[in-house]
Amino acid sequence: MRRTRLLGALAVVLALAGCGGGPSPEDTVEEFVQAAADGDYARVCELLDPEYLEAVEAEGSSCAEVMADTAEEGSGSLIADADQLEVGEATVSEDEQSAMVETSYDGNEGAITLVKVDDEWRVSLAS
């Protein structure tokens, strides 16, 4: 049940934006999406909030396995075309520990939530 919710949250994030790992929240979103489009599941997992990784591992799976399974259940890729992603500006929280990045992908608008972990931005899949 929990894995299904986590997979659902991941699908929403990837459908609306996704990349990550640079000095800014926007860079992190772009890197996350590119890694997802490239099938670089290890990098996708590196860019996720560690709380998600802990939840996946607690269910007996590795993050990379979950990403590969999610891609296989869909079109064979976590995201079809990273070039269609438009990343807007980030709104960073007052304490600078979280951010929301506005995105648009294939006509769908959304926002990606990021959290700061050890001075690095990570994509949050918390619902």
N, C-alpha and C. Protein backbone atom coordinates (compact mmCIF):
# COMPACT_ATOMS: atom_id res chain seq x y z
N MET A 1 0.83 -1.19 0.00
CA MET A 1 0.00 0.00 0.00
C MET A 1 0.87 1.25 0.00
N ARG A 2 1.84 1.31 0.91
CA ARG A 2 2.72 2.47 0.98
C ARG A 2 3.53 2.61 -0.30
N ARG A 3 3.99 1.48 -0.85
CA ARG A 3 4.77 1.52 -2.09
C ARG A 3 3.91 2.09 -3.22
N THR A 4 2.65 1.73 -3.26
CA THR A 4 1.75 2.25 -4.28
C THR A 4 1.62 3.76 -4.17
N ARG A 5 1.49 4.27 -2.94
CA ARG A 5 1.40 5.72 -2.75
C ARG A 5 2.70 6.39 -3.18
N LEU A 6 3.83 5.78 -2.83
CA LEU A 6 5.12 6.36 -3.21
C LEU A 6 5.28 6.37 -4.73
N LEU A 7 4.88 5.28 -5.38
CA LEU A 7 4.95 5.23 -6.84
C LEU A 7 4.03 6.27 -7.46
N GLY A 8 2.87 6.45 -6.87
CA GLY A 8 1.94 7.46 -7.37
C GLY A 8 2.51 8.86 -7.23
N ALA A 9 3.11 9.14 -6.09
CA ALA A 9 3.73 10.45 -5.89
C ALA A 9 4.86 10.67 -6.88
N LEU A 10 5.65 9.64 -7.11
CA LEU A 10 6.74 9.74 -8.08
C LEU A 10 6.20 10.02 -9.47
N ALA A 11 5.15 9.34 -9.85
CA ALA A 11 4.58 9.54 -11.18
C ALA A 11 4.11 10.98 -11.36
N VAL A 12 3.48 11.55 -10.34
CA VAL A 12 3.03 12.93 -10.42
C VAL A 12 4.21 13.87 -10.57
N VAL A 13 5.23 13.68 -9.75
CA VAL A 13 6.41 14.54 -9.84
C VAL A 13 7.04 14.47 -11.21
N LEU A 14 7.23 13.27 -11.72
CA LEU A 14 7.88 13.11 -13.02
C LEU A 14 7.01 13.62 -14.16
N ALA A 15 5.72 13.47 -14.05
CA ALA A 15 4.85 13.94 -15.11
C ALA A 15 4.83 15.46 -15.19
N LEU A 16 5.01 16.11 -14.07
CA LEU A 16 4.93 17.56 -14.06
C LEU A 16 6.27 18.26 -14.13
N ALA A 17 7.36 17.54 -13.90
CA ALA A 17 8.63 18.24 -13.98
C ALA A 17 9.82 17.36 -13.92
N GLY A 18 10.45 17.34 -12.99
CA GLY A 18 11.49 16.59 -12.48
C GLY A 18 12.94 16.68 -12.67
N CYS A 19 14.01 17.11 -12.39
CA CYS A 19 15.42 16.80 -12.53
C CYS A 19 16.08 17.22 -11.23
N GLY A 20 17.42 17.29 -11.10
CA GLY A 20 17.93 17.87 -9.89
C GLY A 20 19.37 17.69 -9.55
N GLY A 21 19.87 18.43 -8.60
CA GLY A 21 21.17 18.23 -8.02
C GLY A 21 22.16 19.34 -8.15
N GLY A 22 21.80 20.51 -8.62
CA GLY A 22 22.75 21.59 -8.80
C GLY A 22 22.68 22.57 -7.66
N PRO A 23 23.32 23.71 -7.85
CA PRO A 23 23.38 24.70 -6.79
C PRO A 23 22.04 25.38 -6.49
N SER A 24 21.10 25.33 -7.42
CA SER A 24 19.80 25.97 -7.19
C SER A 24 18.69 24.93 -7.26
N PRO A 25 17.53 25.26 -6.70
CA PRO A 25 16.40 24.33 -6.83
C PRO A 25 16.05 24.06 -8.30
N GLU A 26 16.11 25.09 -9.13
CA GLU A 26 15.79 24.93 -10.55
C GLU A 26 16.76 23.97 -11.22
N ASP A 27 18.05 24.12 -10.92
CA ASP A 27 19.06 23.22 -11.49
C ASP A 27 18.80 21.78 -11.07
N THR A 28 18.41 21.60 -9.82
CA THR A 28 18.14 20.27 -9.30
C THR A 28 16.97 19.63 -10.05
N VAL A 29 15.91 20.40 -10.26
CA VAL A 29 14.76 19.89 -11.00
C VAL A 29 15.17 19.49 -12.42
N GLU A 30 15.93 20.35 -13.08
CA GLU A 30 16.37 20.04 -14.45
C GLU A 30 17.24 18.79 -14.50
N GLU A 31 18.15 18.65 -13.55
CA GLU A 31 19.02 17.47 -13.52
C GLU A 31 18.22 16.20 -13.23
N PHE A 32 17.25 16.29 -12.33
CA PHE A 32 16.40 15.16 -11.98
C PHE A 32 15.63 14.67 -13.21
N VAL A 33 15.05 15.59 -13.95
CA VAL A 33 14.28 15.23 -15.14
C VAL A 33 15.18 14.61 -16.20
N GLN A 34 16.35 15.19 -16.41
CA GLN A 34 17.26 14.65 -17.42
C GLN A 34 17.70 13.24 -17.05
N ALA A 35 18.02 13.02 -15.78
CA ALA A 35 18.41 11.68 -15.33
C ALA A 35 17.26 10.70 -15.53
N ALA A 36 16.03 11.13 -15.23
CA ALA A 36 14.86 10.27 -15.42
C ALA A 36 14.68 9.93 -16.90
N ALA A 37 14.83 10.93 -17.76
CA ALA A 37 14.67 10.69 -19.20
C ALA A 37 15.76 9.77 -19.74
N ASP A 38 16.95 9.88 -19.18
CA ASP A 38 18.08 9.05 -19.62
C ASP A 38 18.06 7.64 -19.04
N GLY A 39 17.14 7.38 -18.11
CA GLY A 39 17.11 6.07 -17.45
C GLY A 39 18.24 5.89 -16.46
N ASP A 40 18.80 7.00 -15.97
CA ASP A 40 19.88 6.96 -14.99
C ASP A 40 19.26 6.92 -13.59
N TYR A 41 18.73 5.74 -13.24
CA TYR A 41 17.98 5.61 -12.00
C TYR A 41 18.84 5.82 -10.76
N ALA A 42 20.10 5.48 -10.84
CA ALA A 42 20.99 5.73 -9.70
C ALA A 42 21.07 7.23 -9.43
N ARG A 43 21.18 8.03 -10.48
CA ARG A 43 21.26 9.49 -10.31
C ARG A 43 19.91 10.03 -9.84
N VAL A 44 18.82 9.53 -10.39
CA VAL A 44 17.50 9.94 -9.93
C VAL A 44 17.41 9.75 -8.42
N CYS A 45 17.84 8.60 -7.95
CA CYS A 45 17.77 8.28 -6.52
C CYS A 45 18.67 9.19 -5.69
N GLU A 46 19.83 9.54 -6.22
CA GLU A 46 20.73 10.45 -5.50
C GLU A 46 20.10 11.82 -5.30
N LEU A 47 19.20 12.19 -6.17
CA LEU A 47 18.58 13.51 -6.13
C LEU A 47 17.28 13.55 -5.33
N LEU A 48 16.89 12.41 -4.78
CA LEU A 48 15.67 12.33 -3.98
C LEU A 48 15.96 12.59 -2.51
N ASP A 49 14.93 13.06 -1.82
CA ASP A 49 14.98 13.25 -0.38
C ASP A 49 15.28 11.90 0.29
N PRO A 50 16.26 11.85 1.17
CA PRO A 50 16.61 10.59 1.84
C PRO A 50 15.44 9.93 2.57
N GLU A 51 14.45 10.70 3.00
CA GLU A 51 13.30 10.10 3.67
C GLU A 51 12.56 9.15 2.73
N TYR A 52 12.46 9.50 1.46
CA TYR A 52 11.83 8.62 0.48
C TYR A 52 12.65 7.34 0.33
N LEU A 53 13.96 7.50 0.23
CA LEU A 53 14.83 6.34 0.07
C LEU A 53 14.69 5.38 1.25
N GLU A 54 14.61 5.94 2.46
CA GLU A 54 14.44 5.11 3.65
C GLU A 54 13.12 4.35 3.60
N ALA A 55 12.06 5.01 3.15
CA ALA A 55 10.75 4.36 3.06
C ALA A 55 10.77 3.22 2.05
N VAL A 56 11.43 3.42 0.92
CA VAL A 56 11.52 2.38 -0.10
C VAL A 56 12.32 1.20 0.43
N GLU A 57 13.45 1.49 1.04
CA GLU A 57 14.30 0.42 1.57
C GLU A 57 13.62 -0.34 2.70
N ALA A 58 12.79 0.34 3.47
CA ALA A 58 12.05 -0.32 4.55
C ALA A 58 11.07 -1.35 4.00
N GLU A 59 10.66 -1.18 2.76
CA GLU A 59 9.76 -2.13 2.11
C GLU A 59 10.52 -3.24 1.39
N GLY A 60 11.84 -3.21 1.49
CA GLY A 60 12.64 -4.28 0.92
C GLY A 60 13.06 -4.09 -0.53
N SER A 61 12.92 -2.89 -1.05
CA SER A 61 13.31 -2.61 -2.43
C SER A 61 14.42 -1.57 -2.45
N SER A 62 15.11 -1.52 -3.56
CA SER A 62 16.06 -0.42 -3.73
C SER A 62 15.37 0.66 -4.55
N CYS A 63 15.80 1.88 -4.38
CA CYS A 63 15.23 2.99 -5.13
C CYS A 63 15.37 2.74 -6.63
N ALA A 64 16.54 2.32 -7.07
CA ALA A 64 16.77 2.09 -8.51
C ALA A 64 15.81 1.03 -9.05
N GLU A 65 15.52 -0.02 -8.26
CA GLU A 65 14.57 -1.04 -8.69
C GLU A 65 13.17 -0.45 -8.85
N VAL A 66 12.77 0.39 -7.90
CA VAL A 66 11.45 1.01 -7.96
C VAL A 66 11.35 1.91 -9.19
N MET A 67 12.41 2.67 -9.46
CA MET A 67 12.41 3.55 -10.64
C MET A 67 12.32 2.73 -11.93
N ALA A 68 13.09 1.66 -12.01
CA ALA A 68 13.07 0.80 -13.21
C ALA A 68 11.70 0.16 -13.38
N ASP A 69 11.10 -0.32 -12.29
CA ASP A 69 9.77 -0.91 -12.35
C ASP A 69 8.73 0.11 -12.80
N THR A 70 8.83 1.33 -12.26
CA THR A 70 7.90 2.39 -12.63
C THR A 70 8.01 2.71 -14.11
N ALA A 71 9.23 2.79 -14.61
CA ALA A 71 9.45 3.07 -16.04
C ALA A 71 8.89 1.94 -16.89
N GLU A 72 9.13 0.71 -16.46
CA GLU A 72 8.66 -0.46 -17.21
C GLU A 72 7.14 -0.51 -17.27
N GLU A 73 6.49 -0.11 -16.18
CA GLU A 73 5.02 -0.10 -16.13
C GLU A 73 4.44 0.97 -17.04
N GLY A 74 5.24 2.00 -17.33
CA GLY A 74 4.78 3.08 -18.20
C GLY A 74 5.25 2.87 -19.62
N SER A 75 5.87 3.88 -20.16
CA SER A 75 6.29 3.86 -21.56
C SER A 75 7.71 3.33 -21.74
N GLY A 76 8.31 2.82 -20.69
CA GLY A 76 9.69 2.35 -20.77
C GLY A 76 10.68 3.38 -20.29
N SER A 77 10.19 4.57 -19.98
CA SER A 77 11.03 5.66 -19.48
C SER A 77 10.24 6.39 -18.41
N LEU A 78 10.93 6.98 -17.45
CA LEU A 78 10.23 7.73 -16.41
C LEU A 78 9.64 9.02 -16.97
N ILE A 79 10.28 9.57 -17.98
CA ILE A 79 9.78 10.78 -18.63
C ILE A 79 10.14 10.69 -20.11
N ALA A 80 9.19 10.99 -20.96
CA ALA A 80 9.40 10.77 -22.39
C ALA A 80 10.39 11.75 -23.02
N ASP A 81 10.26 13.03 -22.71
CA ASP A 81 11.07 14.03 -23.39
C ASP A 81 11.43 15.16 -22.43
N ALA A 82 12.63 15.13 -21.91
CA ALA A 82 13.07 16.14 -20.96
C ALA A 82 13.09 17.53 -21.58
N ASP A 83 13.22 17.62 -22.89
CA ASP A 83 13.26 18.92 -23.56
C ASP A 83 11.91 19.64 -23.50
N GLN A 84 10.83 18.92 -23.23
CA GLN A 84 9.51 19.55 -23.12
C GLN A 84 9.29 20.21 -21.76
N LEU A 85 10.17 19.95 -20.83
CA LEU A 85 10.03 20.51 -19.49
C LEU A 85 10.39 21.98 -19.48
N GLU A 86 9.51 22.79 -18.94
CA GLU A 86 9.81 24.20 -18.71
C GLU A 86 9.87 24.40 -17.20
N VAL A 87 11.00 24.93 -16.75
CA VAL A 87 11.21 25.15 -15.32
C VAL A 87 11.09 26.64 -15.03
N GLY A 88 10.20 26.97 -14.12
CA GLY A 88 10.04 28.36 -13.71
C GLY A 88 10.97 28.68 -12.55
N GLU A 89 10.69 29.79 -11.91
CA GLU A 89 11.51 30.20 -10.78
C GLU A 89 11.08 29.48 -9.51
N ALA A 90 12.03 29.32 -8.63
CA ALA A 90 11.76 28.68 -7.35
C ALA A 90 11.27 29.71 -6.34
N THR A 91 10.38 29.27 -5.49
CA THR A 91 9.99 30.04 -4.32
C THR A 91 10.59 29.31 -3.13
N VAL A 92 11.56 29.95 -2.49
CA VAL A 92 12.29 29.33 -1.38
C VAL A 92 11.66 29.78 -0.07
N SER A 93 11.51 28.85 0.86
CA SER A 93 10.92 29.16 2.16
C SER A 93 11.79 30.14 2.92
N GLU A 94 11.18 30.80 3.90
CA GLU A 94 11.90 31.78 4.70
C GLU A 94 13.13 31.19 5.38
N ASP A 95 13.03 29.95 5.86
CA ASP A 95 14.17 29.32 6.53
C ASP A 95 15.15 28.69 5.54
N GLU A 96 14.85 28.81 4.25
CA GLU A 96 15.70 28.31 3.16
C GLU A 96 15.95 26.80 3.21
N GLN A 97 14.99 26.06 3.79
CA GLN A 97 15.13 24.60 3.89
C GLN A 97 14.20 23.86 2.94
N SER A 98 13.32 24.59 2.26
CA SER A 98 12.45 23.97 1.26
C SER A 98 12.18 24.97 0.15
N ALA A 99 11.75 24.44 -0.98
CA ALA A 99 11.46 25.30 -2.12
C ALA A 99 10.40 24.63 -2.99
N MET A 100 9.69 25.45 -3.74
CA MET A 100 8.73 24.98 -4.74
C MET A 100 9.19 25.54 -6.07
N VAL A 101 9.31 24.67 -7.06
CA VAL A 101 9.70 25.10 -8.40
C VAL A 101 8.51 24.88 -9.33
N GLU A 102 8.04 25.95 -9.94
CA GLU A 102 6.93 25.87 -10.89
C GLU A 102 7.44 25.20 -12.17
N THR A 103 6.62 24.31 -12.73
CA THR A 103 7.02 23.59 -13.93
C THR A 103 5.85 23.49 -14.90
N SER A 104 6.19 23.21 -16.13
CA SER A 104 5.21 22.91 -17.16
C SER A 104 5.80 21.81 -18.03
N TYR A 105 5.00 20.76 -18.26
CA TYR A 105 5.45 19.66 -19.09
C TYR A 105 4.29 19.22 -19.97
N ASP A 106 4.49 19.32 -21.26
CA ASP A 106 3.49 18.88 -22.23
C ASP A 106 2.13 19.52 -21.94
N GLY A 107 2.14 20.80 -21.59
CA GLY A 107 0.91 21.53 -21.34
C GLY A 107 0.35 21.40 -19.94
N ASN A 108 0.95 20.58 -19.09
CA ASN A 108 0.49 20.41 -17.72
C ASN A 108 1.36 21.22 -16.78
N GLU A 109 0.71 22.06 -15.97
CA GLU A 109 1.46 22.88 -15.03
C GLU A 109 1.44 22.23 -13.66
N GLY A 110 2.51 22.42 -12.94
CA GLY A 110 2.61 21.86 -11.60
C GLY A 110 3.75 22.51 -10.84
N ALA A 111 4.10 21.90 -9.76
CA ALA A 111 5.20 22.40 -8.93
C ALA A 111 5.91 21.21 -8.32
N ILE A 112 7.20 21.33 -8.21
CA ILE A 112 8.03 20.31 -7.59
C ILE A 112 8.49 20.86 -6.24
N THR A 113 8.35 20.05 -5.21
CA THR A 113 8.83 20.43 -3.88
C THR A 113 10.23 19.88 -3.69
N LEU A 114 11.09 20.71 -3.15
CA LEU A 114 12.46 20.29 -2.84
C LEU A 114 12.74 20.61 -1.38
N VAL A 115 13.63 19.84 -0.80
CA VAL A 115 14.09 20.09 0.56
C VAL A 115 15.60 20.17 0.54
N LYS A 116 16.14 20.92 1.48
CA LYS A 116 17.59 21.05 1.56
C LYS A 116 18.11 20.00 2.54
N VAL A 117 19.06 19.20 2.06
CA VAL A 117 19.67 18.15 2.87
C VAL A 117 21.18 18.32 2.74
N ASP A 118 21.84 18.59 3.85
CA ASP A 118 23.29 18.80 3.83
C ASP A 118 23.69 19.82 2.77
N ASP A 119 22.98 20.94 2.73
CA ASP A 119 23.25 22.06 1.81
C ASP A 119 23.05 21.71 0.34
N GLU A 120 22.35 20.63 0.04
CA GLU A 120 22.03 20.25 -1.34
C GLU A 120 20.51 20.15 -1.47
N TRP A 121 19.98 20.59 -2.60
CA TRP A 121 18.56 20.46 -2.86
C TRP A 121 18.23 19.05 -3.31
N ARG A 122 17.15 18.49 -2.75
CA ARG A 122 16.69 17.14 -3.09
C ARG A 122 15.20 17.19 -3.39
N VAL A 123 14.78 16.43 -4.37
CA VAL A 123 13.37 16.36 -4.75
C VAL A 123 12.62 15.58 -3.67
N SER A 124 11.52 16.16 -3.22
CA SER A 124 10.70 15.52 -2.19
C SER A 124 9.49 14.88 -2.83
N LEU A 125 9.23 13.63 -2.49
CA LEU A 125 8.05 12.93 -2.97
C LEU A 125 6.99 12.80 -1.88
N ALA A 126 7.16 13.54 -0.80
CA ALA A 126 6.20 13.50 0.30
C ALA A 126 4.87 14.04 -0.20
N SER A 127 3.81 13.36 0.20
CA SER A 127 2.48 13.81 -0.25
C SER A 127 1.82 14.65 0.80
